[in-house]
Amino acid sequence: MKIPAKSLAQSQRTIDSYEGFADHYSRLDGPSPAVEAALRRIVEATGGRGHVLEIGSGPGWEADFLEALGASVRRTDATRRFLELQAQRGKHGDLLNAITDDLGGPYDSIVALCVLIHVPRDQIGQVLTRSAQALRPDGAFLVSMRDGDGETSGDYHTVYWRRDDFVACMEAAGFTVEWEEYSVDCDNDGWNTFLARRSP
């Protein structure tokens, strides 16, 4: 599938911005209690262990937590600096852009927290479809998306999704939602978090 130049440019601008912000971001706190609870859910959904693809690992705090629960995590990010920071503490990660790169697999689960918000709207369908295809049958998918309408086009291209619209995209890609949660972060932004299964 040919990706429009505008979508590629939006994605690259976001990646470039994270390259400059990665060091600051890595000094922020690790997963919140709500995120830890969601990560526990996906580990439980795959029988307590399993091979996990994390899309957008950032500093790697969520991957650390998953590994502490017994999961085997393939850490990935489209931002080289995040991978360098993880390597400095002995953690290997792969350079991976969910829009342009093959995801590999099959995995028992995929975690994509606070990252697919940067996927241009016209590309979300193919990213979700390739995510489903990268999972084993009945594999689990944990994803969080900003709640709302429209998008921003500053340094970080951010797309907002209403709950029903994003669920429809997941279902069209071959997922069935099993659990969901709405939350509001410290910046008063609403988030929808979903645990879904690849349909058999």
N, C-alpha and C. Protein backbone atom coordinates (compact mmCIF):
# COMPACT_ATOMS: atom_id res chain seq x y z
N MET A 1 0.85 -1.19 0.00
CA MET A 1 0.00 0.00 0.00
C MET A 1 0.88 1.25 0.00
N LYS A 2 0.62 2.14 -0.93
CA LYS A 2 1.39 3.37 -1.03
C LYS A 2 0.91 4.35 0.03
N ILE A 3 1.86 4.90 0.78
CA ILE A 3 1.53 5.83 1.85
C ILE A 3 1.68 7.25 1.32
N PRO A 4 0.64 8.07 1.44
CA PRO A 4 0.73 9.44 0.93
C PRO A 4 1.89 10.22 1.54
N ALA A 5 2.49 11.09 0.75
CA ALA A 5 3.63 11.88 1.21
C ALA A 5 3.27 12.72 2.43
N LYS A 6 2.05 13.24 2.48
CA LYS A 6 1.63 14.05 3.62
C LYS A 6 1.64 13.24 4.91
N SER A 7 1.15 12.00 4.84
CA SER A 7 1.13 11.15 6.03
C SER A 7 2.54 10.81 6.49
N LEU A 8 3.43 10.54 5.53
CA LEU A 8 4.82 10.25 5.88
C LEU A 8 5.49 11.46 6.52
N ALA A 9 5.19 12.65 6.00
CA ALA A 9 5.78 13.87 6.55
C ALA A 9 5.28 14.13 7.97
N GLN A 10 3.97 13.90 8.20
CA GLN A 10 3.42 14.08 9.54
C GLN A 10 4.10 13.13 10.52
N SER A 11 4.27 11.88 10.11
CA SER A 11 4.90 10.89 10.97
C SER A 11 6.36 11.25 11.26
N GLN A 12 7.08 11.67 10.23
CA GLN A 12 8.49 11.99 10.42
C GLN A 12 8.68 13.21 11.32
N ARG A 13 7.79 14.18 11.22
CA ARG A 13 7.88 15.36 12.08
C ARG A 13 7.72 14.95 13.55
N THR A 14 6.82 14.02 13.81
CA THR A 14 6.63 13.53 15.18
C THR A 14 7.86 12.80 15.68
N ILE A 15 8.42 11.93 14.83
CA ILE A 15 9.63 11.18 15.21
C ILE A 15 10.77 12.14 15.50
N ASP A 16 10.95 13.14 14.64
CA ASP A 16 12.03 14.12 14.84
C ASP A 16 11.84 14.87 16.16
N SER A 17 10.61 15.19 16.50
CA SER A 17 10.34 15.90 17.75
C SER A 17 10.69 15.03 18.95
N TYR A 18 10.37 13.75 18.88
CA TYR A 18 10.71 12.85 19.98
C TYR A 18 12.23 12.66 20.10
N GLU A 19 12.94 12.72 18.98
CA GLU A 19 14.41 12.62 19.06
C GLU A 19 14.96 13.72 19.99
N GLY A 20 14.37 14.91 19.90
CA GLY A 20 14.83 16.00 20.73
C GLY A 20 14.31 15.99 22.15
N PHE A 21 13.22 15.26 22.37
CA PHE A 21 12.56 15.27 23.67
C PHE A 21 12.84 14.01 24.47
N ALA A 22 13.49 13.02 23.86
CA ALA A 22 13.63 11.69 24.49
C ALA A 22 14.33 11.74 25.84
N ASP A 23 15.40 12.54 25.95
CA ASP A 23 16.14 12.59 27.21
C ASP A 23 15.26 13.11 28.34
N HIS A 24 14.50 14.14 28.06
CA HIS A 24 13.58 14.68 29.08
C HIS A 24 12.50 13.66 29.42
N TYR A 25 11.95 13.04 28.41
CA TYR A 25 10.86 12.08 28.60
C TYR A 25 11.34 10.90 29.45
N SER A 26 12.58 10.50 29.27
CA SER A 26 13.10 9.34 30.00
C SER A 26 13.27 9.62 31.49
N ARG A 27 13.23 10.89 31.88
CA ARG A 27 13.37 11.24 33.29
C ARG A 27 12.02 11.34 34.01
N LEU A 28 10.93 11.17 33.26
CA LEU A 28 9.61 11.21 33.87
C LEU A 28 9.33 9.92 34.62
N ASP A 29 8.29 9.93 35.43
CA ASP A 29 7.94 8.75 36.20
C ASP A 29 7.56 7.57 35.30
N GLY A 30 7.65 6.38 35.85
CA GLY A 30 7.28 5.17 35.13
C GLY A 30 5.78 5.02 35.03
N PRO A 31 5.31 3.80 34.73
CA PRO A 31 3.88 3.59 34.51
C PRO A 31 3.03 3.98 35.72
N SER A 32 1.88 4.58 35.46
CA SER A 32 0.93 4.90 36.52
C SER A 32 0.28 3.62 37.02
N PRO A 33 -0.36 3.65 38.17
CA PRO A 33 -1.07 2.46 38.65
C PRO A 33 -2.10 1.95 37.64
N ALA A 34 -2.77 2.87 36.92
CA ALA A 34 -3.76 2.44 35.93
C ALA A 34 -3.10 1.71 34.77
N VAL A 35 -1.94 2.21 34.33
CA VAL A 35 -1.22 1.54 33.24
C VAL A 35 -0.70 0.19 33.71
N GLU A 36 -0.18 0.12 34.91
CA GLU A 36 0.28 -1.16 35.44
C GLU A 36 -0.86 -2.17 35.50
N ALA A 37 -2.04 -1.72 35.88
CA ALA A 37 -3.20 -2.62 35.93
C ALA A 37 -3.56 -3.13 34.54
N ALA A 38 -3.48 -2.25 33.54
CA ALA A 38 -3.77 -2.66 32.16
C ALA A 38 -2.73 -3.64 31.65
N LEU A 39 -1.47 -3.42 32.01
CA LEU A 39 -0.41 -4.33 31.59
C LEU A 39 -0.59 -5.70 32.26
N ARG A 40 -1.02 -5.70 33.51
CA ARG A 40 -1.31 -6.98 34.16
C ARG A 40 -2.41 -7.73 33.42
N ARG A 41 -3.40 -6.99 32.95
CA ARG A 41 -4.50 -7.62 32.22
C ARG A 41 -4.02 -8.34 30.96
N ILE A 42 -3.12 -7.70 30.23
CA ILE A 42 -2.71 -8.33 28.97
C ILE A 42 -1.81 -9.53 29.24
N VAL A 43 -1.01 -9.49 30.30
CA VAL A 43 -0.21 -10.66 30.65
C VAL A 43 -1.12 -11.81 31.08
N GLU A 44 -2.15 -11.49 31.86
CA GLU A 44 -3.11 -12.51 32.27
C GLU A 44 -3.86 -13.06 31.07
N ALA A 45 -4.14 -12.20 30.09
CA ALA A 45 -4.89 -12.63 28.90
C ALA A 45 -4.12 -13.63 28.05
N THR A 46 -2.79 -13.65 28.21
CA THR A 46 -1.97 -14.58 27.43
C THR A 46 -1.37 -15.67 28.32
N GLY A 47 -2.03 -15.94 29.44
CA GLY A 47 -1.64 -17.07 30.26
C GLY A 47 -0.46 -16.82 31.18
N GLY A 48 -0.15 -15.56 31.45
CA GLY A 48 0.90 -15.26 32.40
C GLY A 48 2.27 -15.07 31.82
N ARG A 49 2.46 -15.45 30.58
CA ARG A 49 3.77 -15.25 29.95
C ARG A 49 3.53 -14.77 28.52
N GLY A 50 4.32 -15.28 27.56
CA GLY A 50 4.06 -14.94 26.17
C GLY A 50 5.08 -13.98 25.58
N HIS A 51 5.07 -13.92 24.26
CA HIS A 51 5.97 -13.05 23.49
C HIS A 51 5.21 -11.80 23.11
N VAL A 52 5.67 -10.65 23.60
CA VAL A 52 4.98 -9.38 23.42
C VAL A 52 5.76 -8.47 22.47
N LEU A 53 5.05 -7.89 21.50
CA LEU A 53 5.60 -6.79 20.71
C LEU A 53 5.13 -5.50 21.34
N GLU A 54 6.07 -4.64 21.75
CA GLU A 54 5.69 -3.32 22.23
C GLU A 54 6.02 -2.31 21.14
N ILE A 55 4.99 -1.65 20.64
CA ILE A 55 5.15 -0.60 19.65
C ILE A 55 5.28 0.72 20.39
N GLY A 56 6.39 1.41 20.20
CA GLY A 56 6.60 2.68 20.88
C GLY A 56 7.02 2.49 22.32
N SER A 57 8.15 1.83 22.53
CA SER A 57 8.61 1.53 23.89
C SER A 57 9.06 2.77 24.65
N GLY A 58 9.48 3.82 23.95
CA GLY A 58 9.96 5.01 24.65
C GLY A 58 11.13 4.66 25.56
N PRO A 59 11.11 5.13 26.81
CA PRO A 59 12.21 4.81 27.74
C PRO A 59 12.25 3.35 28.16
N GLY A 60 11.13 2.62 27.95
CA GLY A 60 11.12 1.20 28.26
C GLY A 60 10.52 0.84 29.60
N TRP A 61 9.86 1.80 30.27
CA TRP A 61 9.34 1.50 31.60
C TRP A 61 8.24 0.44 31.56
N GLU A 62 7.34 0.50 30.57
CA GLU A 62 6.28 -0.50 30.48
C GLU A 62 6.86 -1.87 30.14
N ALA A 63 7.89 -1.90 29.28
CA ALA A 63 8.54 -3.17 28.96
C ALA A 63 9.19 -3.77 30.20
N ASP A 64 9.82 -2.93 31.00
CA ASP A 64 10.41 -3.41 32.26
C ASP A 64 9.35 -4.08 33.13
N PHE A 65 8.20 -3.43 33.23
CA PHE A 65 7.12 -3.96 34.07
C PHE A 65 6.61 -5.28 33.51
N LEU A 66 6.42 -5.36 32.20
CA LEU A 66 5.97 -6.61 31.57
C LEU A 66 6.96 -7.74 31.81
N GLU A 67 8.24 -7.44 31.68
CA GLU A 67 9.26 -8.47 31.90
C GLU A 67 9.27 -8.92 33.36
N ALA A 68 9.02 -8.00 34.28
CA ALA A 68 8.95 -8.38 35.69
C ALA A 68 7.79 -9.32 35.96
N LEU A 69 6.76 -9.26 35.10
CA LEU A 69 5.62 -10.16 35.23
C LEU A 69 5.84 -11.49 34.51
N GLY A 70 6.98 -11.63 33.84
CA GLY A 70 7.30 -12.89 33.18
C GLY A 70 7.17 -12.91 31.68
N ALA A 71 6.79 -11.78 31.07
CA ALA A 71 6.64 -11.73 29.62
C ALA A 71 8.00 -11.54 28.94
N SER A 72 8.08 -11.97 27.69
CA SER A 72 9.25 -11.72 26.85
C SER A 72 8.87 -10.61 25.88
N VAL A 73 9.57 -9.49 25.96
CA VAL A 73 9.15 -8.29 25.23
C VAL A 73 10.12 -7.96 24.11
N ARG A 74 9.59 -7.76 22.91
CA ARG A 74 10.37 -7.16 21.83
C ARG A 74 10.13 -5.66 21.90
N ARG A 75 11.12 -4.92 22.39
CA ARG A 75 11.03 -3.47 22.53
C ARG A 75 11.30 -2.82 21.17
N THR A 76 10.43 -1.91 20.76
CA THR A 76 10.64 -1.21 19.50
C THR A 76 10.28 0.26 19.65
N ASP A 77 10.88 1.08 18.81
CA ASP A 77 10.50 2.48 18.74
C ASP A 77 10.99 3.04 17.41
N ALA A 78 10.30 4.05 16.92
CA ALA A 78 10.73 4.73 15.70
C ALA A 78 11.74 5.83 15.99
N THR A 79 11.97 6.11 17.28
CA THR A 79 12.90 7.15 17.69
C THR A 79 14.22 6.52 18.14
N ARG A 80 15.28 6.82 17.43
CA ARG A 80 16.59 6.20 17.74
C ARG A 80 17.07 6.56 19.14
N ARG A 81 16.82 7.78 19.58
CA ARG A 81 17.34 8.20 20.88
C ARG A 81 16.74 7.37 22.02
N PHE A 82 15.46 7.02 21.93
CA PHE A 82 14.88 6.17 22.95
C PHE A 82 15.61 4.82 23.01
N LEU A 83 15.94 4.27 21.86
CA LEU A 83 16.64 2.98 21.83
C LEU A 83 18.04 3.12 22.41
N GLU A 84 18.69 4.24 22.14
CA GLU A 84 20.02 4.49 22.71
C GLU A 84 19.95 4.57 24.24
N LEU A 85 18.94 5.25 24.75
CA LEU A 85 18.79 5.38 26.20
C LEU A 85 18.52 4.03 26.85
N GLN A 86 17.73 3.20 26.19
CA GLN A 86 17.48 1.87 26.74
C GLN A 86 18.76 1.03 26.69
N ALA A 87 19.52 1.16 25.60
CA ALA A 87 20.76 0.39 25.48
C ALA A 87 21.74 0.76 26.59
N GLN A 88 21.73 2.01 27.02
CA GLN A 88 22.63 2.45 28.09
C GLN A 88 22.37 1.72 29.40
N ARG A 89 21.19 1.18 29.54
CA ARG A 89 20.91 0.40 30.75
C ARG A 89 20.72 -1.09 30.43
N GLY A 90 21.31 -1.51 29.30
CA GLY A 90 21.38 -2.92 28.98
C GLY A 90 20.16 -3.52 28.34
N LYS A 91 19.27 -2.70 27.81
CA LYS A 91 18.04 -3.19 27.19
C LYS A 91 18.11 -3.02 25.67
N HIS A 92 17.91 -4.11 24.94
CA HIS A 92 17.96 -4.04 23.48
C HIS A 92 16.58 -3.68 22.93
N GLY A 93 16.58 -2.81 21.95
CA GLY A 93 15.35 -2.47 21.25
C GLY A 93 15.60 -2.38 19.76
N ASP A 94 14.54 -2.57 18.98
CA ASP A 94 14.64 -2.52 17.52
C ASP A 94 14.00 -1.24 16.99
N LEU A 95 14.63 -0.66 15.97
CA LEU A 95 14.04 0.48 15.28
C LEU A 95 12.87 -0.02 14.45
N LEU A 96 11.68 0.50 14.72
CA LEU A 96 10.49 0.05 14.01
C LEU A 96 9.49 1.18 13.91
N ASN A 97 9.03 1.42 12.69
CA ASN A 97 7.98 2.40 12.42
C ASN A 97 6.73 1.62 12.07
N ALA A 98 5.69 1.73 12.89
CA ALA A 98 4.48 0.93 12.69
C ALA A 98 3.76 1.27 11.39
N ILE A 99 4.03 2.44 10.84
CA ILE A 99 3.37 2.83 9.59
C ILE A 99 4.05 2.21 8.37
N THR A 100 5.36 2.12 8.40
CA THR A 100 6.09 1.71 7.19
C THR A 100 6.75 0.34 7.27
N ASP A 101 6.95 -0.20 8.48
CA ASP A 101 7.75 -1.42 8.63
C ASP A 101 6.90 -2.66 8.89
N ASP A 102 7.46 -3.81 8.50
CA ASP A 102 6.83 -5.08 8.83
C ASP A 102 6.94 -5.31 10.34
N LEU A 103 5.88 -5.78 10.96
CA LEU A 103 5.86 -5.95 12.40
C LEU A 103 6.42 -7.29 12.86
N GLY A 104 6.62 -8.22 11.93
CA GLY A 104 7.10 -9.53 12.33
C GLY A 104 5.99 -10.34 12.97
N GLY A 105 6.39 -11.29 13.84
CA GLY A 105 5.41 -12.13 14.51
C GLY A 105 5.51 -13.57 14.06
N PRO A 106 4.62 -14.42 14.51
CA PRO A 106 3.44 -14.07 15.32
C PRO A 106 3.79 -13.86 16.79
N TYR A 107 3.06 -12.92 17.40
CA TYR A 107 3.22 -12.61 18.81
C TYR A 107 2.00 -13.09 19.58
N ASP A 108 2.19 -13.30 20.87
CA ASP A 108 1.05 -13.61 21.73
C ASP A 108 0.25 -12.36 22.04
N SER A 109 0.93 -11.22 22.09
CA SER A 109 0.23 -9.97 22.35
C SER A 109 1.03 -8.80 21.80
N ILE A 110 0.33 -7.69 21.60
CA ILE A 110 0.94 -6.43 21.16
C ILE A 110 0.48 -5.34 22.13
N VAL A 111 1.42 -4.51 22.56
CA VAL A 111 1.11 -3.37 23.43
C VAL A 111 1.46 -2.10 22.66
N ALA A 112 0.50 -1.19 22.59
CA ALA A 112 0.70 0.09 21.88
C ALA A 112 0.04 1.19 22.69
N LEU A 113 0.70 1.60 23.75
CA LEU A 113 0.14 2.61 24.65
C LEU A 113 0.64 4.00 24.30
N CYS A 114 -0.29 4.92 24.12
CA CYS A 114 0.04 6.34 23.87
C CYS A 114 0.91 6.54 22.64
N VAL A 115 0.79 5.66 21.64
CA VAL A 115 1.65 5.79 20.46
C VAL A 115 0.85 5.88 19.16
N LEU A 116 -0.24 5.11 19.04
CA LEU A 116 -0.99 5.15 17.78
C LEU A 116 -1.77 6.46 17.62
N ILE A 117 -1.75 7.30 18.65
CA ILE A 117 -2.33 8.64 18.51
C ILE A 117 -1.56 9.46 17.49
N HIS A 118 -0.34 9.04 17.18
CA HIS A 118 0.48 9.78 16.21
C HIS A 118 0.35 9.22 14.78
N VAL A 119 -0.44 8.18 14.61
CA VAL A 119 -0.63 7.62 13.26
C VAL A 119 -1.65 8.47 12.52
N PRO A 120 -1.30 8.99 11.34
CA PRO A 120 -2.28 9.78 10.59
C PRO A 120 -3.58 9.01 10.39
N ARG A 121 -4.69 9.72 10.40
CA ARG A 121 -6.00 9.08 10.36
C ARG A 121 -6.16 8.14 9.16
N ASP A 122 -5.59 8.52 8.02
CA ASP A 122 -5.76 7.68 6.83
C ASP A 122 -4.91 6.41 6.86
N GLN A 123 -4.05 6.28 7.88
CA GLN A 123 -3.19 5.11 7.99
C GLN A 123 -3.58 4.16 9.13
N ILE A 124 -4.52 4.57 9.98
CA ILE A 124 -4.81 3.75 11.16
C ILE A 124 -5.39 2.39 10.79
N GLY A 125 -6.18 2.33 9.73
CA GLY A 125 -6.76 1.05 9.33
C GLY A 125 -5.71 0.02 8.96
N GLN A 126 -4.72 0.44 8.17
CA GLN A 126 -3.69 -0.52 7.77
C GLN A 126 -2.76 -0.87 8.92
N VAL A 127 -2.52 0.06 9.85
CA VAL A 127 -1.69 -0.26 11.02
C VAL A 127 -2.40 -1.28 11.91
N LEU A 128 -3.70 -1.09 12.12
CA LEU A 128 -4.46 -2.04 12.93
C LEU A 128 -4.56 -3.40 12.25
N THR A 129 -4.75 -3.41 10.94
CA THR A 129 -4.83 -4.68 10.22
C THR A 129 -3.52 -5.44 10.29
N ARG A 130 -2.39 -4.75 10.11
CA ARG A 130 -1.09 -5.43 10.20
C ARG A 130 -0.79 -5.88 11.62
N SER A 131 -1.32 -5.14 12.61
CA SER A 131 -1.16 -5.57 13.99
C SER A 131 -1.91 -6.88 14.23
N ALA A 132 -3.13 -6.95 13.73
CA ALA A 132 -3.90 -8.19 13.87
C ALA A 132 -3.19 -9.35 13.18
N GLN A 133 -2.65 -9.10 12.01
CA GLN A 133 -1.97 -10.15 11.25
C GLN A 133 -0.68 -10.60 11.93
N ALA A 134 -0.09 -9.74 12.77
CA ALA A 134 1.16 -10.08 13.46
C ALA A 134 0.91 -10.90 14.73
N LEU A 135 -0.36 -11.06 15.11
CA LEU A 135 -0.71 -11.82 16.30
C LEU A 135 -1.07 -13.27 15.94
N ARG A 136 -0.82 -14.16 16.87
CA ARG A 136 -1.33 -15.52 16.71
C ARG A 136 -2.85 -15.45 16.83
N PRO A 137 -3.57 -16.46 16.32
CA PRO A 137 -5.03 -16.47 16.50
C PRO A 137 -5.38 -16.36 17.99
N ASP A 138 -6.31 -15.49 18.31
CA ASP A 138 -6.75 -15.22 19.67
C ASP A 138 -5.74 -14.40 20.45
N GLY A 139 -4.72 -13.85 19.78
CA GLY A 139 -3.75 -13.01 20.45
C GLY A 139 -4.39 -11.73 20.96
N ALA A 140 -3.73 -11.08 21.92
CA ALA A 140 -4.30 -9.92 22.61
C ALA A 140 -3.61 -8.63 22.17
N PHE A 141 -4.37 -7.54 22.20
CA PHE A 141 -3.90 -6.23 21.75
C PHE A 141 -4.32 -5.20 22.78
N LEU A 142 -3.35 -4.47 23.34
CA LEU A 142 -3.63 -3.41 24.31
C LEU A 142 -3.24 -2.08 23.69
N VAL A 143 -4.20 -1.17 23.60
CA VAL A 143 -3.95 0.10 22.91
C VAL A 143 -4.68 1.22 23.64
N SER A 144 -4.07 2.40 23.68
CA SER A 144 -4.74 3.57 24.26
C SER A 144 -4.73 4.71 23.25
N MET A 145 -5.85 5.44 23.21
CA MET A 145 -6.02 6.51 22.23
C MET A 145 -6.61 7.74 22.91
N ARG A 146 -6.19 8.92 22.45
CA ARG A 146 -6.77 10.17 22.94
C ARG A 146 -8.23 10.24 22.52
N ASP A 147 -9.09 10.66 23.44
CA ASP A 147 -10.51 10.79 23.15
C ASP A 147 -10.81 12.19 22.66
N GLY A 148 -11.56 12.26 21.57
CA GLY A 148 -11.95 13.57 21.07
C GLY A 148 -12.10 13.58 19.56
N ASP A 149 -12.13 14.77 19.01
CA ASP A 149 -12.33 14.96 17.58
C ASP A 149 -11.15 15.72 16.98
N GLY A 150 -10.91 15.49 15.69
CA GLY A 150 -9.91 16.26 14.97
C GLY A 150 -8.49 15.80 15.23
N GLU A 151 -7.55 16.70 14.96
CA GLU A 151 -6.14 16.39 15.12
C GLU A 151 -5.34 17.68 15.25
N THR A 152 -4.13 17.55 15.77
CA THR A 152 -3.23 18.70 15.86
C THR A 152 -2.05 18.44 14.94
N SER A 153 -1.47 19.50 14.41
CA SER A 153 -0.39 19.35 13.44
C SER A 153 0.83 20.17 13.82
N GLY A 154 1.14 20.24 15.11
CA GLY A 154 2.34 20.93 15.55
C GLY A 154 3.55 20.01 15.44
N ASP A 155 4.47 20.13 16.39
CA ASP A 155 5.65 19.28 16.37
C ASP A 155 5.29 17.80 16.44
N TYR A 156 4.24 17.50 17.20
CA TYR A 156 3.76 16.12 17.34
C TYR A 156 2.40 16.03 16.67
N HIS A 157 2.32 15.30 15.57
CA HIS A 157 1.03 15.12 14.92
C HIS A 157 0.20 14.18 15.78
N THR A 158 -0.93 14.65 16.29
CA THR A 158 -1.76 13.86 17.19
C THR A 158 -3.17 13.79 16.65
N VAL A 159 -3.70 12.57 16.59
CA VAL A 159 -5.05 12.34 16.08
C VAL A 159 -5.94 11.91 17.24
N TYR A 160 -7.11 12.54 17.35
CA TYR A 160 -8.08 12.21 18.39
C TYR A 160 -9.15 11.30 17.79
N TRP A 161 -9.61 10.34 18.61
CA TRP A 161 -10.63 9.39 18.16
C TRP A 161 -11.74 9.28 19.20
N ARG A 162 -12.98 9.33 18.74
CA ARG A 162 -14.10 8.99 19.60
C ARG A 162 -14.12 7.48 19.80
N ARG A 163 -14.58 7.08 20.95
CA ARG A 163 -14.56 5.66 21.32
C ARG A 163 -15.20 4.78 20.25
N ASP A 164 -16.42 5.09 19.83
CA ASP A 164 -17.13 4.22 18.89
C ASP A 164 -16.43 4.15 17.54
N ASP A 165 -15.85 5.26 17.10
CA ASP A 165 -15.18 5.27 15.80
C ASP A 165 -13.93 4.39 15.83
N PHE A 166 -13.18 4.46 16.94
CA PHE A 166 -11.97 3.64 17.01
C PHE A 166 -12.31 2.17 17.17
N VAL A 167 -13.33 1.86 17.94
CA VAL A 167 -13.77 0.46 18.06
C VAL A 167 -14.17 -0.08 16.69
N ALA A 168 -14.85 0.72 15.89
CA ALA A 168 -15.24 0.28 14.54
C ALA A 168 -13.99 -0.01 13.70
N CYS A 169 -12.95 0.80 13.83
CA CYS A 169 -11.70 0.55 13.10
C CYS A 169 -11.06 -0.75 13.56
N MET A 170 -11.05 -1.00 14.86
CA MET A 170 -10.48 -2.25 15.36
C MET A 170 -11.27 -3.45 14.87
N GLU A 171 -12.58 -3.35 14.90
CA GLU A 171 -13.41 -4.47 14.44
C GLU A 171 -13.20 -4.74 12.95
N ALA A 172 -13.06 -3.68 12.16
CA ALA A 172 -12.81 -3.85 10.73
C ALA A 172 -11.47 -4.51 10.47
N ALA A 173 -10.51 -4.33 11.40
CA ALA A 173 -9.17 -4.92 11.26
C ALA A 173 -9.12 -6.36 11.76
N GLY A 174 -10.20 -6.83 12.40
CA GLY A 174 -10.23 -8.21 12.86
C GLY A 174 -10.09 -8.38 14.35
N PHE A 175 -10.40 -7.32 15.13
CA PHE A 175 -10.32 -7.39 16.59
C PHE A 175 -11.70 -7.40 17.21
N THR A 176 -11.79 -8.02 18.38
CA THR A 176 -12.98 -7.97 19.22
C THR A 176 -12.58 -7.39 20.56
N VAL A 177 -13.22 -6.31 20.97
CA VAL A 177 -12.88 -5.66 22.23
C VAL A 177 -13.42 -6.49 23.40
N GLU A 178 -12.54 -6.78 24.38
CA GLU A 178 -12.93 -7.54 25.57
C GLU A 178 -13.05 -6.67 26.81
N TRP A 179 -12.29 -5.59 26.87
CA TRP A 179 -12.28 -4.72 28.05
C TRP A 179 -11.90 -3.33 27.59
N GLU A 180 -12.43 -2.34 28.29
CA GLU A 180 -12.07 -0.97 27.97
C GLU A 180 -12.19 -0.10 29.21
N GLU A 181 -11.47 1.03 29.18
CA GLU A 181 -11.49 1.94 30.32
C GLU A 181 -11.29 3.35 29.81
N TYR A 182 -12.06 4.27 30.35
CA TYR A 182 -11.88 5.69 30.05
C TYR A 182 -11.20 6.35 31.24
N SER A 183 -10.20 7.19 30.99
CA SER A 183 -9.50 7.88 32.06
C SER A 183 -9.14 9.29 31.62
N VAL A 184 -8.82 10.13 32.60
CA VAL A 184 -8.40 11.51 32.34
C VAL A 184 -7.02 11.70 32.96
N ASP A 185 -6.06 12.19 32.16
CA ASP A 185 -4.69 12.33 32.66
C ASP A 185 -4.49 13.66 33.38
N CYS A 186 -3.25 13.90 33.81
CA CYS A 186 -2.94 15.10 34.59
C CYS A 186 -3.10 16.39 33.78
N ASP A 187 -3.12 16.28 32.45
CA ASP A 187 -3.33 17.45 31.60
C ASP A 187 -4.80 17.62 31.22
N ASN A 188 -5.66 16.81 31.86
CA ASN A 188 -7.10 16.84 31.62
C ASN A 188 -7.49 16.32 30.24
N ASP A 189 -6.61 15.49 29.65
CA ASP A 189 -6.94 14.85 28.38
C ASP A 189 -7.60 13.51 28.65
N GLY A 190 -8.66 13.22 27.91
CA GLY A 190 -9.34 11.94 28.04
C GLY A 190 -8.67 10.87 27.20
N TRP A 191 -8.64 9.65 27.73
CA TRP A 191 -8.03 8.52 27.03
C TRP A 191 -8.98 7.33 27.08
N ASN A 192 -9.03 6.60 25.98
CA ASN A 192 -9.72 5.32 25.93
C ASN A 192 -8.67 4.22 25.78
N THR A 193 -8.69 3.26 26.69
CA THR A 193 -7.77 2.14 26.64
C THR A 193 -8.57 0.88 26.38
N PHE A 194 -8.09 0.07 25.44
CA PHE A 194 -8.81 -1.13 25.02
C PHE A 194 -7.92 -2.37 25.11
N LEU A 195 -8.50 -3.47 25.56
CA LEU A 195 -7.89 -4.78 25.43
C LEU A 195 -8.76 -5.56 24.46
N ALA A 196 -8.18 -5.94 23.33
CA ALA A 196 -8.93 -6.62 22.29
C ALA A 196 -8.25 -7.93 21.91
N ARG A 197 -9.00 -8.80 21.25
CA ARG A 197 -8.48 -10.06 20.77
C ARG A 197 -8.53 -10.11 19.26
N ARG A 198 -7.53 -10.73 18.67
CA ARG A 198 -7.62 -11.03 17.25
C ARG A 198 -8.69 -12.11 17.09
N SER A 199 -9.64 -11.84 16.22
CA SER A 199 -10.70 -12.82 15.99
C SER A 199 -10.11 -14.10 15.41
N PRO A 200 -10.57 -15.28 15.90
CA PRO A 200 -10.00 -16.56 15.41
C PRO A 200 -10.15 -16.71 13.92
